[in-house]
Amino acid sequence: MNIISVTDIRRNFRQILLEITKTKKPVAIIQRSKPIAYLIDAESFELLQRTGKMDVDLLRSRAESLDRIARFKSNLAKNTASQEDSTILIRELREGRSHYE
């Protein structure tokens, strides 16, 4: 990555732009020895945009999947509890100890 001052950008903007589009390497623009912006070619920017959107979509999908898993576990716990109750009832009926008689 090239590092260029704001003053150099003002003086050689066209040349710097041509170099960025040719090499596809980003340029850090510095002011008072600190980076204030980055300049990249359009193709790289569009790729970053698509990748960022895919990351957001992936995170959203992951959150939805985790939510479905949590609901499934909750339903499973409820169903398992009622199944244990029915197992006890069947056992009592088989042994003739039903309190429903």
N, C-alpha and C. Protein backbone atom coordinates (compact mmCIF):
# COMPACT_ATOMS: atom_id res chain seq x y z
N MET A 1 0.85 -1.17 0.00
CA MET A 1 0.00 0.00 0.00
C MET A 1 0.90 1.23 0.00
N ASN A 2 0.56 2.15 -0.86
CA ASN A 2 1.28 3.42 -0.92
C ASN A 2 0.71 4.39 0.09
N ILE A 3 1.57 5.25 0.59
CA ILE A 3 1.15 6.29 1.52
C ILE A 3 1.47 7.63 0.88
N ILE A 4 0.46 8.49 0.79
CA ILE A 4 0.61 9.77 0.10
C ILE A 4 0.00 10.87 0.96
N SER A 5 0.66 12.01 0.99
CA SER A 5 0.14 13.14 1.77
C SER A 5 -0.97 13.85 0.99
N VAL A 6 -1.74 14.63 1.72
CA VAL A 6 -2.81 15.40 1.10
C VAL A 6 -2.24 16.35 0.05
N THR A 7 -1.08 16.94 0.36
CA THR A 7 -0.43 17.86 -0.58
C THR A 7 -0.08 17.15 -1.89
N ASP A 8 0.47 15.93 -1.79
CA ASP A 8 0.81 15.17 -3.00
C ASP A 8 -0.45 14.82 -3.81
N ILE A 9 -1.53 14.53 -3.12
CA ILE A 9 -2.80 14.23 -3.81
C ILE A 9 -3.24 15.45 -4.62
N ARG A 10 -3.15 16.61 -4.01
CA ARG A 10 -3.55 17.84 -4.72
C ARG A 10 -2.70 18.06 -5.97
N ARG A 11 -1.40 17.83 -5.84
CA ARG A 11 -0.48 18.09 -6.95
C ARG A 11 -0.57 17.05 -8.07
N ASN A 12 -0.74 15.78 -7.71
CA ASN A 12 -0.63 14.68 -8.69
C ASN A 12 -1.85 13.79 -8.72
N PHE A 13 -3.02 14.34 -8.55
CA PHE A 13 -4.23 13.52 -8.44
C PHE A 13 -4.42 12.60 -9.64
N ARG A 14 -4.31 13.14 -10.82
CA ARG A 14 -4.54 12.34 -12.03
C ARG A 14 -3.55 11.17 -12.12
N GLN A 15 -2.28 11.42 -11.86
CA GLN A 15 -1.26 10.38 -11.93
C GLN A 15 -1.50 9.31 -10.86
N ILE A 16 -1.88 9.73 -9.67
CA ILE A 16 -2.15 8.78 -8.58
C ILE A 16 -3.36 7.92 -8.93
N LEU A 17 -4.39 8.54 -9.50
CA LEU A 17 -5.57 7.78 -9.91
C LEU A 17 -5.22 6.74 -10.97
N LEU A 18 -4.42 7.11 -11.94
CA LEU A 18 -4.01 6.16 -12.98
C LEU A 18 -3.24 4.99 -12.38
N GLU A 19 -2.36 5.29 -11.42
CA GLU A 19 -1.58 4.23 -10.78
C GLU A 19 -2.48 3.28 -9.99
N ILE A 20 -3.45 3.82 -9.29
CA ILE A 20 -4.37 2.99 -8.50
C ILE A 20 -5.18 2.07 -9.41
N THR A 21 -5.68 2.59 -10.51
CA THR A 21 -6.48 1.75 -11.41
C THR A 21 -5.62 0.71 -12.11
N LYS A 22 -4.35 1.04 -12.34
CA LYS A 22 -3.46 0.10 -13.01
C LYS A 22 -2.97 -1.00 -12.07
N THR A 23 -2.55 -0.64 -10.87
CA THR A 23 -1.96 -1.62 -9.94
C THR A 23 -2.97 -2.29 -9.03
N LYS A 24 -4.15 -1.69 -8.87
CA LYS A 24 -5.20 -2.18 -7.96
C LYS A 24 -4.76 -2.14 -6.50
N LYS A 25 -3.72 -1.36 -6.19
CA LYS A 25 -3.24 -1.24 -4.81
C LYS A 25 -3.84 0.01 -4.19
N PRO A 26 -4.35 -0.10 -2.96
CA PRO A 26 -4.93 1.07 -2.30
C PRO A 26 -3.85 2.08 -1.90
N VAL A 27 -4.28 3.30 -1.69
CA VAL A 27 -3.38 4.37 -1.26
C VAL A 27 -3.93 4.95 0.03
N ALA A 28 -3.07 5.08 1.03
CA ALA A 28 -3.45 5.74 2.27
C ALA A 28 -3.12 7.22 2.13
N ILE A 29 -4.09 8.05 2.40
CA ILE A 29 -3.88 9.50 2.35
C ILE A 29 -3.66 9.97 3.78
N ILE A 30 -2.51 10.62 4.01
CA ILE A 30 -2.18 11.05 5.36
C ILE A 30 -2.20 12.57 5.47
N GLN A 31 -2.52 13.01 6.67
CA GLN A 31 -2.48 14.43 7.00
C GLN A 31 -1.92 14.53 8.40
N ARG A 32 -0.85 15.28 8.55
CA ARG A 32 -0.15 15.40 9.84
C ARG A 32 0.26 14.02 10.37
N SER A 33 0.78 13.20 9.49
CA SER A 33 1.31 11.86 9.80
C SER A 33 0.26 10.85 10.23
N LYS A 34 -1.01 11.15 10.03
CA LYS A 34 -2.07 10.21 10.39
C LYS A 34 -2.93 9.93 9.16
N PRO A 35 -3.31 8.66 8.96
CA PRO A 35 -4.19 8.34 7.82
C PRO A 35 -5.57 8.97 8.03
N ILE A 36 -6.04 9.65 6.99
CA ILE A 36 -7.37 10.26 7.07
C ILE A 36 -8.35 9.63 6.08
N ALA A 37 -7.80 8.94 5.06
CA ALA A 37 -8.67 8.30 4.07
C ALA A 37 -7.85 7.28 3.29
N TYR A 38 -8.58 6.41 2.59
CA TYR A 38 -7.95 5.43 1.71
C TYR A 38 -8.59 5.56 0.34
N LEU A 39 -7.78 5.45 -0.68
CA LEU A 39 -8.26 5.56 -2.05
C LEU A 39 -8.04 4.21 -2.72
N ILE A 40 -9.13 3.62 -3.25
CA ILE A 40 -9.02 2.32 -3.92
C ILE A 40 -9.73 2.39 -5.27
N ASP A 41 -9.39 1.44 -6.13
CA ASP A 41 -10.03 1.41 -7.45
C ASP A 41 -11.48 0.92 -7.32
N ALA A 42 -12.27 1.23 -8.32
CA ALA A 42 -13.71 0.92 -8.30
C ALA A 42 -13.98 -0.57 -8.18
N GLU A 43 -13.22 -1.39 -8.90
CA GLU A 43 -13.44 -2.84 -8.88
C GLU A 43 -13.22 -3.40 -7.47
N SER A 44 -12.16 -2.97 -6.81
CA SER A 44 -11.89 -3.43 -5.44
C SER A 44 -12.98 -2.96 -4.49
N PHE A 45 -13.43 -1.72 -4.67
CA PHE A 45 -14.50 -1.19 -3.83
C PHE A 45 -15.78 -2.01 -3.98
N GLU A 46 -16.16 -2.31 -5.22
CA GLU A 46 -17.37 -3.09 -5.47
C GLU A 46 -17.26 -4.49 -4.87
N LEU A 47 -16.07 -5.07 -4.95
CA LEU A 47 -15.85 -6.38 -4.34
C LEU A 47 -16.01 -6.30 -2.83
N LEU A 48 -15.47 -5.25 -2.23
CA LEU A 48 -15.64 -5.06 -0.78
C LEU A 48 -17.10 -4.89 -0.41
N GLN A 49 -17.84 -4.15 -1.23
CA GLN A 49 -19.26 -3.95 -0.98
C GLN A 49 -20.01 -5.28 -1.02
N ARG A 50 -19.74 -6.09 -2.04
CA ARG A 50 -20.42 -7.39 -2.15
C ARG A 50 -20.03 -8.29 -1.00
N THR A 51 -18.76 -8.30 -0.65
CA THR A 51 -18.29 -9.15 0.44
C THR A 51 -18.92 -8.71 1.75
N GLY A 52 -18.99 -7.41 1.97
CA GLY A 52 -19.62 -6.89 3.19
C GLY A 52 -21.08 -7.27 3.27
N LYS A 53 -21.79 -7.19 2.15
CA LYS A 53 -23.20 -7.57 2.12
C LYS A 53 -23.35 -9.06 2.39
N MET A 54 -22.44 -9.85 1.84
CA MET A 54 -22.50 -11.29 2.08
C MET A 54 -22.26 -11.58 3.56
N ASP A 55 -21.34 -10.83 4.20
CA ASP A 55 -21.09 -11.02 5.61
C ASP A 55 -22.33 -10.71 6.44
N VAL A 56 -23.02 -9.63 6.10
CA VAL A 56 -24.24 -9.26 6.81
C VAL A 56 -25.31 -10.33 6.60
N ASP A 57 -25.47 -10.79 5.37
CA ASP A 57 -26.44 -11.85 5.08
C ASP A 57 -26.09 -13.13 5.84
N LEU A 58 -24.81 -13.45 5.91
CA LEU A 58 -24.37 -14.64 6.62
C LEU A 58 -24.67 -14.53 8.11
N LEU A 59 -24.40 -13.37 8.70
CA LEU A 59 -24.69 -13.16 10.11
C LEU A 59 -26.19 -13.24 10.38
N ARG A 60 -26.99 -12.67 9.50
CA ARG A 60 -28.44 -12.72 9.66
C ARG A 60 -28.93 -14.16 9.58
N SER A 61 -28.42 -14.91 8.61
CA SER A 61 -28.80 -16.31 8.44
C SER A 61 -28.40 -17.12 9.67
N ARG A 62 -27.21 -16.84 10.18
CA ARG A 62 -26.73 -17.57 11.36
C ARG A 62 -27.62 -17.28 12.57
N ALA A 63 -28.00 -16.02 12.75
CA ALA A 63 -28.87 -15.66 13.87
C ALA A 63 -30.22 -16.35 13.74
N GLU A 64 -30.76 -16.40 12.53
CA GLU A 64 -32.04 -17.08 12.32
C GLU A 64 -31.92 -18.57 12.61
N SER A 65 -30.81 -19.17 12.20
CA SER A 65 -30.60 -20.60 12.45
C SER A 65 -30.49 -20.88 13.95
N LEU A 66 -29.75 -20.03 14.66
CA LEU A 66 -29.63 -20.22 16.10
C LEU A 66 -30.97 -20.04 16.80
N ASP A 67 -31.78 -19.12 16.31
CA ASP A 67 -33.11 -18.92 16.87
C ASP A 67 -33.98 -20.16 16.64
N ARG A 68 -33.92 -20.72 15.44
CA ARG A 68 -34.69 -21.95 15.14
C ARG A 68 -34.22 -23.10 16.03
N ILE A 69 -32.92 -23.21 16.24
CA ILE A 69 -32.39 -24.28 17.10
C ILE A 69 -32.90 -24.10 18.52
N ALA A 70 -32.89 -22.86 19.02
CA ALA A 70 -33.37 -22.60 20.38
C ALA A 70 -34.85 -22.95 20.51
N ARG A 71 -35.66 -22.58 19.50
CA ARG A 71 -37.08 -22.94 19.54
C ARG A 71 -37.26 -24.45 19.50
N PHE A 72 -36.47 -25.13 18.67
CA PHE A 72 -36.56 -26.58 18.57
C PHE A 72 -36.22 -27.23 19.92
N LYS A 73 -35.16 -26.74 20.55
CA LYS A 73 -34.78 -27.30 21.86
C LYS A 73 -35.88 -27.07 22.89
N SER A 74 -36.48 -25.89 22.85
CA SER A 74 -37.57 -25.59 23.78
C SER A 74 -38.75 -26.52 23.55
N ASN A 75 -39.14 -26.69 22.29
CA ASN A 75 -40.25 -27.61 21.96
C ASN A 75 -39.91 -29.04 22.33
N LEU A 76 -38.68 -29.42 22.10
CA LEU A 76 -38.24 -30.78 22.44
C LEU A 76 -38.32 -31.01 23.94
N ALA A 77 -37.92 -30.01 24.72
CA ALA A 77 -37.98 -30.13 26.17
C ALA A 77 -39.43 -30.26 26.63
N LYS A 78 -40.33 -29.48 26.03
CA LYS A 78 -41.75 -29.57 26.39
C LYS A 78 -42.30 -30.94 26.03
N ASN A 79 -42.00 -31.41 24.83
CA ASN A 79 -42.51 -32.71 24.38
C ASN A 79 -41.91 -33.85 25.19
N THR A 80 -40.66 -33.74 25.56
CA THR A 80 -40.02 -34.79 26.35
C THR A 80 -40.65 -34.87 27.72
N ALA A 81 -40.97 -33.72 28.31
CA ALA A 81 -41.61 -33.71 29.62
C ALA A 81 -42.96 -34.38 29.56
N SER A 82 -43.76 -34.10 28.54
CA SER A 82 -45.08 -34.73 28.44
C SER A 82 -44.94 -36.21 28.10
N GLN A 83 -43.89 -36.57 27.38
CA GLN A 83 -43.67 -37.97 27.06
C GLN A 83 -43.32 -38.75 28.32
N GLU A 84 -42.53 -38.16 29.20
CA GLU A 84 -42.20 -38.84 30.45
C GLU A 84 -43.46 -39.05 31.28
N ASP A 85 -44.36 -38.07 31.29
CA ASP A 85 -45.62 -38.21 32.01
C ASP A 85 -46.44 -39.35 31.44
N SER A 86 -46.51 -39.46 30.12
CA SER A 86 -47.29 -40.53 29.51
C SER A 86 -46.63 -41.88 29.78
N THR A 87 -45.32 -41.91 29.84
CA THR A 87 -44.62 -43.17 30.15
C THR A 87 -44.99 -43.63 31.55
N ILE A 88 -45.03 -42.71 32.48
CA ILE A 88 -45.41 -43.05 33.85
C ILE A 88 -46.86 -43.53 33.89
N LEU A 89 -47.74 -42.87 33.17
CA LEU A 89 -49.15 -43.25 33.13
C LEU A 89 -49.31 -44.65 32.55
N ILE A 90 -48.62 -44.95 31.46
CA ILE A 90 -48.70 -46.28 30.85
C ILE A 90 -48.19 -47.34 31.82
N ARG A 91 -47.10 -47.04 32.50
CA ARG A 91 -46.55 -48.00 33.46
C ARG A 91 -47.56 -48.26 34.58
N GLU A 92 -48.19 -47.20 35.07
CA GLU A 92 -49.19 -47.37 36.13
C GLU A 92 -50.38 -48.18 35.64
N LEU A 93 -50.81 -47.94 34.40
CA LEU A 93 -51.93 -48.69 33.85
C LEU A 93 -51.58 -50.16 33.71
N ARG A 94 -50.36 -50.45 33.29
CA ARG A 94 -49.94 -51.85 33.13
C ARG A 94 -49.89 -52.56 34.47
N GLU A 95 -49.48 -51.83 35.48
CA GLU A 95 -49.34 -52.45 36.80
C GLU A 95 -50.65 -52.41 37.58
N GLY A 96 -51.66 -51.79 37.00
CA GLY A 96 -52.96 -51.75 37.66
C GLY A 96 -53.04 -50.74 38.78
N ARG A 97 -52.14 -49.79 38.80
CA ARG A 97 -52.14 -48.80 39.89
C ARG A 97 -52.67 -47.45 39.42
N SER A 98 -53.52 -47.43 38.48
CA SER A 98 -53.98 -46.17 37.91
C SER A 98 -54.84 -45.41 38.91
N HIS A 99 -54.61 -44.14 39.02
CA HIS A 99 -55.44 -43.31 39.90
C HIS A 99 -56.63 -42.74 39.14
N TYR A 100 -56.81 -43.18 37.88
CA TYR A 100 -57.94 -42.73 37.07
C TYR A 100 -59.13 -43.67 37.20
N GLU A 101 -58.97 -44.79 37.90
CA GLU A 101 -60.06 -45.77 38.02
C GLU A 101 -61.04 -45.38 39.08
